[in-house]
Protein backbone atom coordinates (compact mmCIF):
# COMPACT_ATOMS: atom_id res chain seq x y z
CA MET A 1 40.56 96.07 74.87
CA ARG A 2 43.48 98.69 74.84
CA THR A 3 44.30 100.79 71.63
CA HIS A 4 47.67 100.65 70.95
CA TRP A 5 49.15 103.21 68.23
CA SER A 6 51.91 101.91 66.34
CA VAL A 7 55.40 103.91 65.92
CA ASP A 8 56.28 102.52 62.53
CA PRO A 9 56.54 105.93 60.52
CA SER A 10 56.05 104.65 57.30
CA VAL A 11 52.40 103.84 58.62
CA SER A 12 49.74 106.63 59.22
CA LEU A 13 49.50 107.17 62.50
CA ARG A 14 45.34 107.48 61.91
CA VAL A 15 44.89 104.43 59.69
CA THR A 16 46.99 102.17 62.69
CA LEU A 17 44.62 103.53 65.46
CA ARG A 18 42.70 100.41 65.62
CA GLY A 19 38.94 100.82 64.55
CA ILE A 20 39.35 104.84 64.08
CA PRO A 21 39.28 104.44 59.96
CA ARG A 22 40.44 107.92 58.20
CA ARG A 23 37.58 110.15 56.25
CA ASP A 24 38.50 110.44 53.09
CA HIS A 25 36.56 113.23 52.57
CA ASN A 26 37.47 114.86 55.73
CA PRO A 27 41.16 114.47 55.52
CA ALA A 28 43.62 115.76 58.37
CA PRO A 29 45.17 118.80 58.17
CA THR A 30 48.63 118.89 56.71
CA ILE A 31 51.92 120.81 57.58
CA PRO A 32 52.46 123.48 54.94
CA ARG A 33 55.70 123.01 53.03
CA ARG A 34 58.88 125.06 53.28
CA GLY A 35 57.95 128.30 51.99
CA ALA A 36 54.00 128.24 51.82
CA PRO A 37 51.98 129.83 54.19
CA PRO A 38 50.57 128.18 56.97
CA VAL A 39 47.09 127.15 57.20
CA LYS A 40 45.55 127.63 60.62
CA SER A 41 42.39 125.85 61.50
CA LYS A 42 39.91 126.19 64.50
CA ILE A 43 38.80 122.95 66.39
CA ARG A 44 35.09 121.40 65.55
CA GLY A 45 33.71 121.99 68.59
CA VAL A 46 36.07 124.12 70.50
CA LYS A 47 35.33 128.57 70.67
CA HIS A 48 38.57 129.43 72.66
CA ILE A 49 42.13 127.79 72.93
CA VAL A 50 44.68 128.94 75.46
CA VAL A 51 47.73 127.03 75.75
CA VAL A 52 50.24 126.56 78.88
CA ALA A 53 53.78 126.66 77.95
CA SER A 54 57.12 126.55 79.52
CA GLY A 55 60.92 127.31 78.07
CA LYS A 56 62.02 124.29 80.40
CA GLY A 57 61.13 121.47 82.32
CA GLY A 58 60.14 121.01 85.89
CA VAL A 59 58.45 124.14 86.58
CA GLY A 60 55.10 123.09 86.99
CA LYS A 61 53.58 123.59 84.21
CA SER A 62 51.27 120.63 83.41
CA THR A 63 50.08 121.12 87.04
CA VAL A 64 49.32 124.46 86.57
CA ALA A 65 47.24 123.22 82.92
CA ALA A 66 45.46 121.20 85.11
CA ASN A 67 45.01 123.97 87.44
CA LEU A 68 44.08 126.37 85.41
CA ALA A 69 40.98 124.21 83.51
CA LEU A 70 39.81 124.02 87.13
CA ALA A 71 39.72 127.68 87.90
CA MET A 72 38.25 128.75 84.75
CA LEU A 73 35.45 126.18 85.26
CA GLN A 74 34.86 128.07 88.68
CA THR A 75 34.96 131.42 87.33
CA SER A 76 32.62 131.16 84.28
CA PRO A 77 31.23 134.40 83.35
CA LEU A 78 29.16 132.89 81.02
CA GLY A 79 26.00 133.06 83.31
CA ARG A 80 25.89 129.30 83.53
CA PRO A 81 28.65 126.37 84.50
CA ALA A 82 31.47 126.53 81.32
CA ASN A 83 32.14 123.80 79.18
CA VAL A 84 36.15 122.99 80.11
CA GLY A 85 38.75 120.92 78.03
CA LEU A 86 42.11 120.07 78.97
CA LEU A 87 44.15 119.05 75.47
CA ASP A 88 48.07 117.03 76.87
CA LEU A 89 50.08 117.43 74.02
CA ASP A 90 53.42 116.51 75.94
CA ILE A 91 53.38 113.50 73.44
CA PHE A 92 56.57 111.69 75.01
CA GLY A 93 55.61 112.56 78.86
CA PRO A 94 51.95 112.49 79.60
CA SER A 95 51.21 113.53 82.77
CA VAL A 96 47.43 115.15 82.65
CA PRO A 97 45.89 111.28 83.36
CA LYS A 98 47.79 111.79 87.04
CA ILE A 99 47.44 114.77 87.82
CA MET A 100 43.54 114.15 86.44
CA GLY A 101 43.27 111.00 88.88
CA LEU A 102 42.65 109.21 85.19
CA GLU A 103 45.07 106.74 85.04
CA GLN A 104 42.79 103.85 85.58
CA ALA A 105 39.91 105.55 83.32
CA GLY A 106 40.86 102.73 80.54
CA ASP A 107 40.50 103.57 77.07
CA PRO A 108 38.65 106.71 75.40
CA ALA A 109 35.20 105.51 73.16
CA LEU A 110 34.66 105.92 70.10
CA SER A 111 31.70 108.93 68.84
CA GLU A 112 29.60 107.19 66.29
CA GLU A 113 31.96 109.48 63.71
CA ASN A 114 35.03 107.65 64.72
CA LYS A 115 36.42 110.45 67.00
CA LEU A 116 38.12 109.53 70.43
CA LEU A 117 35.77 110.19 73.21
CA PRO A 118 37.54 112.63 76.33
CA LEU A 119 37.61 111.26 79.69
CA ARG A 120 36.11 113.70 82.55
CA ASN A 121 36.66 114.23 85.52
CA HIS A 122 36.10 116.95 88.04
CA GLY A 123 33.77 118.40 85.38
CA VAL A 124 36.82 118.87 82.95
CA LYS A 125 37.26 117.10 80.34
CA THR A 126 40.74 115.46 78.96
CA MET A 127 42.50 113.91 76.49
CA SER A 128 46.19 112.50 76.71
CA MET A 129 48.70 110.33 75.16
CA GLY A 130 49.18 108.92 77.94
CA TYR A 131 45.47 107.36 77.16
CA LEU A 132 46.42 106.25 73.88
CA LEU A 133 49.40 104.28 74.65
CA PRO A 134 50.10 100.21 75.68
CA PRO A 135 50.19 99.88 79.51
CA ASP A 136 53.85 99.20 81.13
CA PRO A 137 54.11 98.14 84.41
CA THR A 138 56.24 100.42 85.60
CA GLY A 139 53.24 103.22 85.49
CA GLU A 140 55.68 105.64 82.65
CA THR A 141 53.77 105.91 79.88
CA GLY A 142 56.67 108.02 77.60
CA VAL A 143 57.22 107.03 74.05
CA ALA A 144 60.65 108.04 71.91
CA TRP A 145 59.39 109.34 67.73
CA ARG A 146 60.73 110.64 65.36
CA GLY A 147 59.66 114.03 64.19
CA MET A 148 57.63 113.00 61.92
CA MET A 149 56.07 110.33 64.02
CA VAL A 150 55.09 113.20 66.77
CA MET A 151 53.76 115.26 64.39
CA LYS A 152 51.14 112.86 62.83
CA ALA A 153 50.20 112.43 66.91
CA VAL A 154 49.75 116.05 67.43
CA GLN A 155 47.38 116.44 64.25
CA GLN A 156 45.47 113.60 65.36
CA LEU A 157 44.60 114.74 69.28
CA LEU A 158 43.67 118.15 67.68
CA PHE A 159 41.65 117.23 64.93
CA ASP A 160 40.46 113.64 66.06
CA VAL A 161 38.58 113.92 69.49
CA ASP A 162 35.04 115.18 69.72
CA TRP A 163 34.89 118.11 72.55
CA THR A 164 31.21 118.67 72.69
CA THR A 165 29.32 118.16 74.77
CA PRO A 166 25.45 115.88 73.23
CA THR A 167 22.51 118.42 74.69
CA GLY A 168 18.30 117.75 73.95
CA GLU A 169 18.54 119.83 71.22
CA GLY A 170 21.93 119.00 69.32
CA SER A 171 25.10 119.74 71.04
CA GLN A 172 27.02 122.61 72.95
CA ASP A 173 30.84 123.48 71.93
CA LEU A 174 33.41 123.60 74.41
CA ASP A 175 33.55 127.13 75.18
CA VAL A 176 37.64 127.03 76.11
CA LEU A 177 40.60 124.17 75.30
CA VAL A 178 43.44 124.62 77.58
CA ILE A 179 46.50 122.77 75.81
CA ASP A 180 49.40 121.47 78.04
CA MET A 181 52.48 121.78 76.11
CA PRO A 182 55.66 120.06 76.31
CA PRO A 183 58.21 122.18 77.30
CA GLY A 184 60.97 123.69 75.14
CA THR A 185 60.52 124.85 71.92
CA GLY A 186 60.50 121.69 69.55
CA ASP A 187 58.17 119.88 67.29
CA VAL A 188 54.76 119.93 68.68
CA GLN A 189 55.40 123.90 69.35
CA LEU A 190 55.64 124.18 65.76
CA SER A 191 52.89 122.18 64.68
CA LEU A 192 50.77 123.34 66.93
CA GLY A 193 51.65 126.92 65.62
CA GLN A 194 51.45 125.86 61.85
CA LEU A 195 47.53 124.05 62.37
CA VAL A 196 45.85 125.98 64.82
CA SER A 197 44.83 129.26 65.11
CA VAL A 198 45.68 129.79 69.43
CA ASP A 199 43.95 132.59 71.65
CA GLY A 200 46.11 133.54 73.97
CA ALA A 201 49.22 131.64 75.70
CA VAL A 202 49.95 131.72 79.69
CA ILE A 203 53.69 131.06 80.23
CA VAL A 204 54.72 129.37 83.42
CA SER A 205 58.13 129.63 85.15
CA THR A 206 60.29 129.42 88.13
CA PRO A 207 62.33 132.42 89.87
CA GLN A 208 65.77 130.60 88.86
CA ASP A 209 67.77 132.10 86.56
CA VAL A 210 68.41 129.77 83.92
CA ALA A 211 64.37 129.17 83.69
CA LEU A 212 63.61 132.97 83.09
CA VAL A 213 65.85 132.70 80.19
CA ASP A 214 63.85 129.48 79.09
CA ALA A 215 60.94 131.36 79.58
CA ARG A 216 61.99 134.51 77.52
CA LYS A 217 62.53 131.72 74.87
CA GLY A 218 58.66 130.07 74.94
CA VAL A 219 57.72 133.94 74.63
CA GLY A 220 58.93 134.19 71.56
CA MET A 221 57.11 131.50 70.47
CA PHE A 222 53.77 132.89 71.17
CA HIS A 223 52.64 136.41 69.21
CA LYS A 224 49.15 136.51 71.72
CA ILE A 225 50.68 136.20 75.27
CA ILE A 226 48.37 136.22 77.90
CA GLY A 227 50.53 136.85 80.96
CA LEU A 228 53.50 135.17 82.78
CA LEU A 229 53.22 132.70 86.03
CA LEU A 230 55.93 132.02 89.05
CA ASN A 231 55.36 129.00 90.17
CA MET A 232 57.21 127.87 92.84
CA SER A 233 57.70 131.59 93.96
CA HIS A 234 58.15 130.86 97.86
CA TYR A 235 58.15 128.36 100.86
CA THR A 236 56.18 129.09 103.94
CA CYS A 237 58.45 127.31 106.50
CA THR A 238 55.38 125.19 108.98
CA SER A 239 57.62 125.60 112.18
CA CYS A 240 57.97 129.72 112.08
CA SER A 241 55.21 130.60 109.25
CA THR A 242 57.65 132.80 107.19
CA PRO A 243 57.84 133.19 103.51
CA HIS A 244 61.26 131.64 101.99
CA GLU A 245 62.27 132.37 98.46
CA LEU A 246 64.30 129.20 97.67
CA PHE A 247 64.82 129.00 94.23
CA GLY A 248 65.64 132.97 93.96
CA SER A 249 64.13 136.51 94.39
CA SER A 250 60.91 137.14 92.52
CA ASP A 251 62.12 140.43 92.01
CA HIS A 252 63.82 139.11 88.83
CA PHE A 253 60.69 137.47 87.59
CA VAL A 254 58.82 140.78 87.96
CA ARG A 255 61.74 142.40 85.99
CA ALA A 256 61.73 139.94 82.94
CA ALA A 257 57.86 140.59 82.88
CA SER A 258 58.53 144.10 82.85
CA ASP A 259 61.25 143.63 79.94
CA LEU A 260 58.88 141.69 78.14
CA LYS A 261 55.73 144.17 78.34
CA LEU A 262 54.22 141.28 79.92
CA SER A 263 51.51 141.04 82.86
CA VAL A 264 51.96 138.83 85.92
CA LEU A 265 48.95 136.64 86.48
CA GLY A 266 50.27 135.56 89.79
CA LYS A 267 53.19 133.63 92.24
CA LEU A 268 52.00 130.17 92.86
CA PRO A 269 53.90 129.13 96.53
CA LEU A 270 55.81 125.76 96.81
CA VAL A 271 53.44 123.57 98.97
CA THR A 272 53.33 119.75 100.25
CA SER A 273 49.74 118.10 100.19
CA ASN A 274 47.18 119.32 103.45
CA THR A 275 48.49 122.65 103.77
CA PRO A 276 47.06 125.71 104.21
CA GLU A 277 49.62 127.76 101.92
CA GLY A 278 46.97 124.97 99.46
CA GLU A 279 44.17 127.39 99.34
CA GLU A 280 45.81 129.84 98.18
CA VAL A 281 47.56 128.34 95.13
CA ARG A 282 44.16 128.01 95.10
CA GLN A 283 42.70 131.52 95.65
CA THR A 284 45.29 132.55 92.55
CA MET A 285 44.41 130.39 90.23
CA ARG A 286 40.53 131.05 90.25
CA LYS A 287 42.56 135.26 89.52
CA VAL A 288 44.66 133.64 86.84
CA GLY A 289 41.35 131.61 85.79
CA GLN A 290 39.54 134.67 85.85
CA GLY A 291 41.94 136.83 84.02
CA VAL A 292 42.22 134.48 81.63
CA TRP A 293 38.38 134.85 81.01
CA ASP A 294 39.10 138.57 80.86
CA TRP A 295 41.55 138.43 78.52
CA LEU A 296 39.70 136.66 75.87
CA ASP A 297 36.36 138.99 76.48
CA LYS A 298 38.20 141.66 75.45
CA ARG A 299 40.54 140.33 72.70
CA PRO A 300 39.49 141.07 69.20
CA VAL A 301 37.50 139.09 67.03
CA ALA A 302 39.85 136.60 65.29
CA MET A 303 39.08 136.36 61.20
CA ASN A 304 37.03 133.96 59.75
CA VAL A 305 39.74 130.56 59.61
CA GLY A 306 38.41 126.66 58.27
CA VAL A 307 37.23 124.87 60.23
CA ARG A 308 38.73 121.23 60.80
CA GLY A 309 37.78 117.96 62.73
């Protein structure tokens, strides 16, 4: 039976999520009132958090987030396979279930501690609002909620999911959690920034001037930027094998990154399925994955913060 989420703003999402009662001794973190300093927490069972964000929609951010999770899985510097998770925080239009091939995977199971257990594919653990919404015959899973409902949903997706991997001697933490953010600078971004200690952010843009303007806004939302990634930088003609910059010169993007004193992590071409350029995308994303691992390894040790979950 599919788990339904109530949209009644007067009722706590944690209570209306059938079968998962809130444990009174471990309450969810709360958004601080105006003027109060934000109390940031780590997510239990998660070592590092990397967000993938964009200033506007339609730039391929969710696809980049999924590919980054896979790339970090493939480029693990840990001497063992990395434990990688992908959290879809695009509450209004979750797309990770489709991208990861988990649309028909069913509802997430519950742990003994009444936490949601991620669904897994291609070696990556995933969680998304799309797994929790009632089935829609049209295949669309968007929601229309007010800000408070969105913030409650964000809290639960952050702190009511068990990302650990059971082992013979206990459990193993997630090495990195990649968070796919919704586009723009709204309630979800504010909630994440207030609640969670984020290690770094990857900002995705396309070459158009308007996308670059919005990308600058996305940069302003996060203090620890790993770098910028240009998507749909060019298209290689299948007839003449000549690359064409359909959406404008990538030079604008490089200059914008220079102005912001940020690194360009990579440039991804516009590709269709089953084309040679698909391998170029995979190679570029592997380099991006290695770059993110290097960035996490070199950054200073974060201050001790509380652990929720």
